[in-house]
Amino acid sequence: GLDLQGGMSVVLQVSEEDVVDALAQ
């Protein structure tokens, strides 16, 4: 796990507004 050996934690978020705008062209 991260606590014992370190590493990397990332939070990604899909931009819902960009998807909506693309659907509306």
PDB file of all heavy atoms in Angstrom:
ATOM      1  N   GLY A   1       0.802  -1.218   0.000  1.00  0.00           N
ATOM      2  CA  GLY A   1       0.000   0.000   0.000  1.00  0.00           C
ATOM      3  C   GLY A   1       0.834   1.266   0.000  1.00  0.00           C
ATOM      4  O   GLY A   1       2.051   1.252   0.134  1.00  0.00           O
ATOM      5  N   LEU A   2       0.138   2.392  -0.129  1.00  0.00           N
ATOM      6  CA  LEU A   2       0.820   3.682  -0.190  1.00  0.00           C
ATOM      7  C   LEU A   2       1.479   4.042   1.135  1.00  0.00           C
ATOM      8  O   LEU A   2       2.546   4.660   1.161  1.00  0.00           O
ATOM      9  CB  LEU A   2      -0.181   4.776  -0.578  1.00  0.00           C
ATOM     10  CG  LEU A   2      -0.703   4.748  -2.019  1.00  0.00           C
ATOM     11  CD1 LEU A   2      -1.782   5.806  -2.188  1.00  0.00           C
ATOM     12  CD2 LEU A   2       0.412   4.985  -3.009  1.00  0.00           C
ATOM     13  N   ASP A   3       0.863   3.655   2.250  1.00  0.00           N
ATOM     14  CA  ASP A   3       1.385   4.035   3.556  1.00  0.00           C
ATOM     15  C   ASP A   3       2.753   3.427   3.824  1.00  0.00           C
ATOM     16  O   ASP A   3       3.617   4.062   4.437  1.00  0.00           O
ATOM     17  CB  ASP A   3       0.413   3.622   4.667  1.00  0.00           C
ATOM     18  CG  ASP A   3      -0.895   4.396   4.609  1.00  0.00           C
ATOM     19  OD1 ASP A   3      -0.891   5.487   4.016  1.00  0.00           O
ATOM     20  OD2 ASP A   3      -1.901   3.911   5.129  1.00  0.00           O
ATOM     21  N   LEU A   4       2.965   2.182   3.383  1.00  0.00           N
ATOM     22  CA  LEU A   4       4.203   1.479   3.692  1.00  0.00           C
ATOM     23  C   LEU A   4       5.309   1.719   2.674  1.00  0.00           C
ATOM     24  O   LEU A   4       6.482   1.800   3.037  1.00  0.00           O
ATOM     25  CB  LEU A   4       3.939  -0.034   3.813  1.00  0.00           C
ATOM     26  CG  LEU A   4       3.064  -0.457   4.998  1.00  0.00           C
ATOM     27  CD1 LEU A   4       2.824  -1.954   4.963  1.00  0.00           C
ATOM     28  CD2 LEU A   4       3.729  -0.069   6.309  1.00  0.00           C
ATOM     29  N   GLN A   5       4.966   1.792   1.395  1.00  0.00           N
ATOM     30  CA  GLN A   5       6.024   1.912   0.397  1.00  0.00           C
ATOM     31  C   GLN A   5       5.941   3.178  -0.440  1.00  0.00           C
ATOM     32  O   GLN A   5       6.746   3.386  -1.342  1.00  0.00           O
ATOM     33  CB  GLN A   5       6.003   0.696  -0.542  1.00  0.00           C
ATOM     34  CG  GLN A   5       4.718   0.554  -1.364  1.00  0.00           C
ATOM     35  CD  GLN A   5       4.803  -0.600  -2.348  1.00  0.00           C
ATOM     36  OE1 GLN A   5       5.877  -0.970  -2.796  1.00  0.00           O
ATOM     37  NE2 GLN A   5       3.652  -1.191  -2.668  1.00  0.00           N
ATOM     38  N   GLY A   6       4.989   4.062  -0.112  1.00  0.00           N
ATOM     39  CA  GLY A   6       4.875   5.285  -0.898  1.00  0.00           C
ATOM     40  C   GLY A   6       4.307   4.998  -2.274  1.00  0.00           C
ATOM     41  O   GLY A   6       3.871   3.896  -2.580  1.00  0.00           O
ATOM     42  N   GLY A   7       4.314   5.993  -3.121  1.00  0.00           N
ATOM     43  CA  GLY A   7       3.776   5.814  -4.469  1.00  0.00           C
ATOM     44  C   GLY A   7       3.104   7.081  -4.950  1.00  0.00           C
ATOM     45  O   GLY A   7       3.558   8.183  -4.660  1.00  0.00           O
ATOM     46  N   MET A   8       1.994   6.906  -5.645  1.00  0.00           N
ATOM     47  CA  MET A   8       1.328   8.044  -6.260  1.00  0.00           C
ATOM     48  C   MET A   8      -0.182   7.879  -6.161  1.00  0.00           C
ATOM     49  O   MET A   8      -0.725   6.794  -6.384  1.00  0.00           O
ATOM     50  CB  MET A   8       1.754   8.124  -7.732  1.00  0.00           C
ATOM     51  CG  MET A   8       1.224   9.319  -8.481  1.00  0.00           C
ATOM     52  SD  MET A   8       1.887   9.337 -10.180  1.00  0.00           S
ATOM     53  CE  MET A   8       1.183  10.869 -10.783  1.00  0.00           C
ATOM     54  N   SER A   9      -0.840   8.951  -5.795  1.00  0.00           N
ATOM     55  CA  SER A   9      -2.303   8.962  -5.718  1.00  0.00           C
ATOM     56  C   SER A   9      -2.816  10.117  -6.569  1.00  0.00           C
ATOM     57  O   SER A   9      -2.379  11.254  -6.402  1.00  0.00           O
ATOM     58  CB  SER A   9      -2.765   9.111  -4.271  1.00  0.00           C
ATOM     59  OG  SER A   9      -4.176   9.177  -4.201  1.00  0.00           O
ATOM     60  N   VAL A  10      -3.730   9.812  -7.483  1.00  0.00           N
ATOM     61  CA  VAL A  10      -4.237  10.818  -8.415  1.00  0.00           C
ATOM     62  C   VAL A  10      -5.752  10.747  -8.459  1.00  0.00           C
ATOM     63  O   VAL A  10      -6.337   9.659  -8.449  1.00  0.00           O
ATOM     64  CB  VAL A  10      -3.685  10.586  -9.844  1.00  0.00           C
ATOM     65  CG1 VAL A  10      -4.189  11.661 -10.795  1.00  0.00           C
ATOM     66  CG2 VAL A  10      -2.173  10.555  -9.845  1.00  0.00           C
ATOM     67  N   VAL A  11      -6.389  11.905  -8.483  1.00  0.00           N
ATOM     68  CA  VAL A  11      -7.840  11.972  -8.673  1.00  0.00           C
ATOM     69  C   VAL A  11      -8.112  12.618 -10.025  1.00  0.00           C
ATOM     70  O   VAL A  11      -7.690  13.750 -10.280  1.00  0.00           O
ATOM     71  CB  VAL A  11      -8.530  12.774  -7.554  1.00  0.00           C
ATOM     72  CG1 VAL A  11     -10.038  12.870  -7.832  1.00  0.00           C
ATOM     73  CG2 VAL A  11      -8.290  12.123  -6.194  1.00  0.00           C
ATOM     74  N   LEU A  12      -8.764  11.888 -10.897  1.00  0.00           N
ATOM     75  CA  LEU A  12      -9.127  12.388 -12.218  1.00  0.00           C
ATOM     76  C   LEU A  12     -10.631  12.647 -12.246  1.00  0.00           C
ATOM     77  O   LEU A  12     -11.405  11.923 -11.612  1.00  0.00           O
ATOM     78  CB  LEU A  12      -8.757  11.368 -13.297  1.00  0.00           C
ATOM     79  CG  LEU A  12      -7.311  10.867 -13.304  1.00  0.00           C
ATOM     80  CD1 LEU A  12      -7.158   9.712 -14.284  1.00  0.00           C
ATOM     81  CD2 LEU A  12      -6.366  11.989 -13.681  1.00  0.00           C
ATOM     82  N   GLN A  13     -11.033  13.649 -12.978  1.00  0.00           N
ATOM     83  CA  GLN A  13     -12.464  13.944 -13.081  1.00  0.00           C
ATOM     84  C   GLN A  13     -12.836  14.212 -14.534  1.00  0.00           C
ATOM     85  O   GLN A  13     -12.193  15.021 -15.213  1.00  0.00           O
ATOM     86  CB  GLN A  13     -12.855  15.129 -12.213  1.00  0.00           C
ATOM     87  CG  GLN A  13     -14.359  15.416 -12.262  1.00  0.00           C
ATOM     88  CD  GLN A  13     -14.834  16.243 -11.085  1.00  0.00           C
ATOM     89  OE1 GLN A  13     -14.025  16.833 -10.376  1.00  0.00           O
ATOM     90  NE2 GLN A  13     -16.137  16.277 -10.865  1.00  0.00           N
ATOM     91  N   VAL A  14     -13.858  13.510 -14.990  1.00  0.00           N
ATOM     92  CA  VAL A  14     -14.367  13.719 -16.339  1.00  0.00           C
ATOM     93  C   VAL A  14     -15.154  15.025 -16.356  1.00  0.00           C
ATOM     94  O   VAL A  14     -16.014  15.254 -15.502  1.00  0.00           O
ATOM     95  CB  VAL A  14     -15.266  12.548 -16.783  1.00  0.00           C
ATOM     96  CG1 VAL A  14     -15.838  12.813 -18.172  1.00  0.00           C
ATOM     97  CG2 VAL A  14     -14.484  11.248 -16.770  1.00  0.00           C
ATOM     98  N   SER A  15     -14.868  15.890 -17.295  1.00  0.00           N
ATOM     99  CA  SER A  15     -15.563  17.176 -17.404  1.00  0.00           C
ATOM    100  C   SER A  15     -16.924  16.942 -18.050  1.00  0.00           C
ATOM    101  O   SER A  15     -17.043  16.872 -19.277  1.00  0.00           O
ATOM    102  CB  SER A  15     -14.731  18.158 -18.241  1.00  0.00           C
ATOM    103  OG  SER A  15     -15.428  19.362 -18.420  1.00  0.00           O
ATOM    104  N   GLU A  16     -17.960  16.850 -17.212  1.00  0.00           N
ATOM    105  CA  GLU A  16     -19.305  16.574 -17.723  1.00  0.00           C
ATOM    106  C   GLU A  16     -19.804  17.717 -18.605  1.00  0.00           C
ATOM    107  O   GLU A  16     -20.516  17.482 -19.586  1.00  0.00           O
ATOM    108  CB  GLU A  16     -20.266  16.338 -16.563  1.00  0.00           C
ATOM    109  CG  GLU A  16     -19.948  15.086 -15.755  1.00  0.00           C
ATOM    110  CD  GLU A  16     -20.994  14.796 -14.708  1.00  0.00           C
ATOM    111  OE1 GLU A  16     -21.951  15.591 -14.575  1.00  0.00           O
ATOM    112  OE2 GLU A  16     -20.862  13.772 -14.010  1.00  0.00           O
ATOM    113  N   GLU A  17     -19.435  18.955 -18.252  1.00  0.00           N
ATOM    114  CA  GLU A  17     -19.890  20.081 -19.069  1.00  0.00           C
ATOM    115  C   GLU A  17     -19.323  20.022 -20.487  1.00  0.00           C
ATOM    116  O   GLU A  17     -20.006  20.389 -21.455  1.00  0.00           O
ATOM    117  CB  GLU A  17     -19.543  21.423 -18.408  1.00  0.00           C
ATOM    118  CG  GLU A  17     -18.086  21.601 -18.070  1.00  0.00           C
ATOM    119  CD  GLU A  17     -17.783  21.261 -16.633  1.00  0.00           C
ATOM    120  OE1 GLU A  17     -18.334  20.263 -16.126  1.00  0.00           O
ATOM    121  OE2 GLU A  17     -16.990  22.001 -16.019  1.00  0.00           O
ATOM    122  N   ASP A  18     -18.086  19.530 -20.629  1.00  0.00           N
ATOM    123  CA  ASP A  18     -17.503  19.396 -21.968  1.00  0.00           C
ATOM    124  C   ASP A  18     -18.233  18.331 -22.780  1.00  0.00           C
ATOM    125  O   ASP A  18     -18.414  18.477 -23.995  1.00  0.00           O
ATOM    126  CB  ASP A  18     -16.019  19.046 -21.868  1.00  0.00           C
ATOM    127  CG  ASP A  18     -15.180  20.231 -21.415  1.00  0.00           C
ATOM    128  OD1 ASP A  18     -15.700  21.362 -21.433  1.00  0.00           O
ATOM    129  OD2 ASP A  18     -14.008  20.027 -21.037  1.00  0.00           O
ATOM    130  N   VAL A  19     -18.632  17.246 -22.097  1.00  0.00           N
ATOM    131  CA  VAL A  19     -19.374  16.187 -22.785  1.00  0.00           C
ATOM    132  C   VAL A  19     -20.729  16.711 -23.253  1.00  0.00           C
ATOM    133  O   VAL A  19     -21.146  16.473 -24.398  1.00  0.00           O
ATOM    134  CB  VAL A  19     -19.573  14.962 -21.864  1.00  0.00           C
ATOM    135  CG1 VAL A  19     -20.388  13.882 -22.581  1.00  0.00           C
ATOM    136  CG2 VAL A  19     -18.230  14.401 -21.430  1.00  0.00           C
ATOM    137  N   VAL A  20     -21.415  17.443 -22.375  1.00  0.00           N
ATOM    138  CA  VAL A  20     -22.725  18.012 -22.732  1.00  0.00           C
ATOM    139  C   VAL A  20     -22.579  18.965 -23.904  1.00  0.00           C
ATOM    140  O   VAL A  20     -23.371  18.929 -24.860  1.00  0.00           O
ATOM    141  CB  VAL A  20     -23.357  18.734 -21.519  1.00  0.00           C
ATOM    142  CG1 VAL A  20     -24.594  19.519 -21.945  1.00  0.00           C
ATOM    143  CG2 VAL A  20     -23.716  17.733 -20.427  1.00  0.00           C
ATOM    144  N   ASP A  21     -21.571  19.825 -23.848  1.00  0.00           N
ATOM    145  CA  ASP A  21     -21.371  20.802 -24.924  1.00  0.00           C
ATOM    146  C   ASP A  21     -21.045  20.110 -26.245  1.00  0.00           C
ATOM    147  O   ASP A  21     -21.456  20.559 -27.310  1.00  0.00           O
ATOM    148  CB  ASP A  21     -20.254  21.779 -24.540  1.00  0.00           C
ATOM    149  CG  ASP A  21     -20.440  23.151 -25.179  1.00  0.00           C
ATOM    150  OD1 ASP A  21     -21.577  23.479 -25.564  1.00  0.00           O
ATOM    151  OD2 ASP A  21     -19.447  23.885 -25.298  1.00  0.00           O
ATOM    152  N   ALA A  22     -20.306  19.018 -26.171  1.00  0.00           N
ATOM    153  CA  ALA A  22     -19.981  18.262 -27.387  1.00  0.00           C
ATOM    154  C   ALA A  22     -21.229  17.614 -27.966  1.00  0.00           C
ATOM    155  O   ALA A  22     -21.429  17.588 -29.189  1.00  0.00           O
ATOM    156  CB  ALA A  22     -18.935  17.197 -27.076  1.00  0.00           C
ATOM    157  N   LEU A  23     -22.095  17.091 -27.090  1.00  0.00           N
ATOM    158  CA  LEU A  23     -23.348  16.485 -27.558  1.00  0.00           C
ATOM    159  C   LEU A  23     -24.256  17.527 -28.209  1.00  0.00           C
ATOM    160  O   LEU A  23     -25.019  17.210 -29.130  1.00  0.00           O
ATOM    161  CB  LEU A  23     -24.082  15.819 -26.390  1.00  0.00           C
ATOM    162  CG  LEU A  23     -23.419  14.575 -25.787  1.00  0.00           C
ATOM    163  CD1 LEU A  23     -24.150  14.146 -24.525  1.00  0.00           C
ATOM    164  CD2 LEU A  23     -23.404  13.434 -26.803  1.00  0.00           C
ATOM    165  N   ALA A  24     -24.171  18.767 -27.738  1.00  0.00           N
ATOM    166  CA  ALA A  24     -24.958  19.856 -28.327  1.00  0.00           C
ATOM    167  C   ALA A  24     -24.234  20.495 -29.500  1.00  0.00           C
ATOM    168  O   ALA A  24     -24.732  21.481 -30.065  1.00  0.00           O
ATOM    169  CB  ALA A  24     -25.249  20.915 -27.266  1.00  0.00           C
ATOM    170  N   GLN A  25     -23.077  19.921 -29.868  1.00  0.00           N
ATOM    171  CA  GLN A  25     -22.250  20.434 -30.970  1.00  0.00           C
ATOM    172  C   GLN A  25     -21.906  21.912 -30.760  1.00  0.00           C
ATOM    173  O   GLN A  25     -21.920  22.709 -31.692  1.00  0.00           O
ATOM    174  CB  GLN A  25     -22.952  20.240 -32.317  1.00  0.00           C
ATOM    175  CG  GLN A  25     -23.291  18.786 -32.616  1.00  0.00           C
ATOM    176  CD  GLN A  25     -24.018  18.617 -33.928  1.00  0.00           C
ATOM    177  OE1 GLN A  25     -23.386  18.500 -34.979  1.00  0.00           O
ATOM    178  NE2 GLN A  25     -25.346  18.649 -33.894  1.00  0.00           N
TER     179      GLN A  25
END
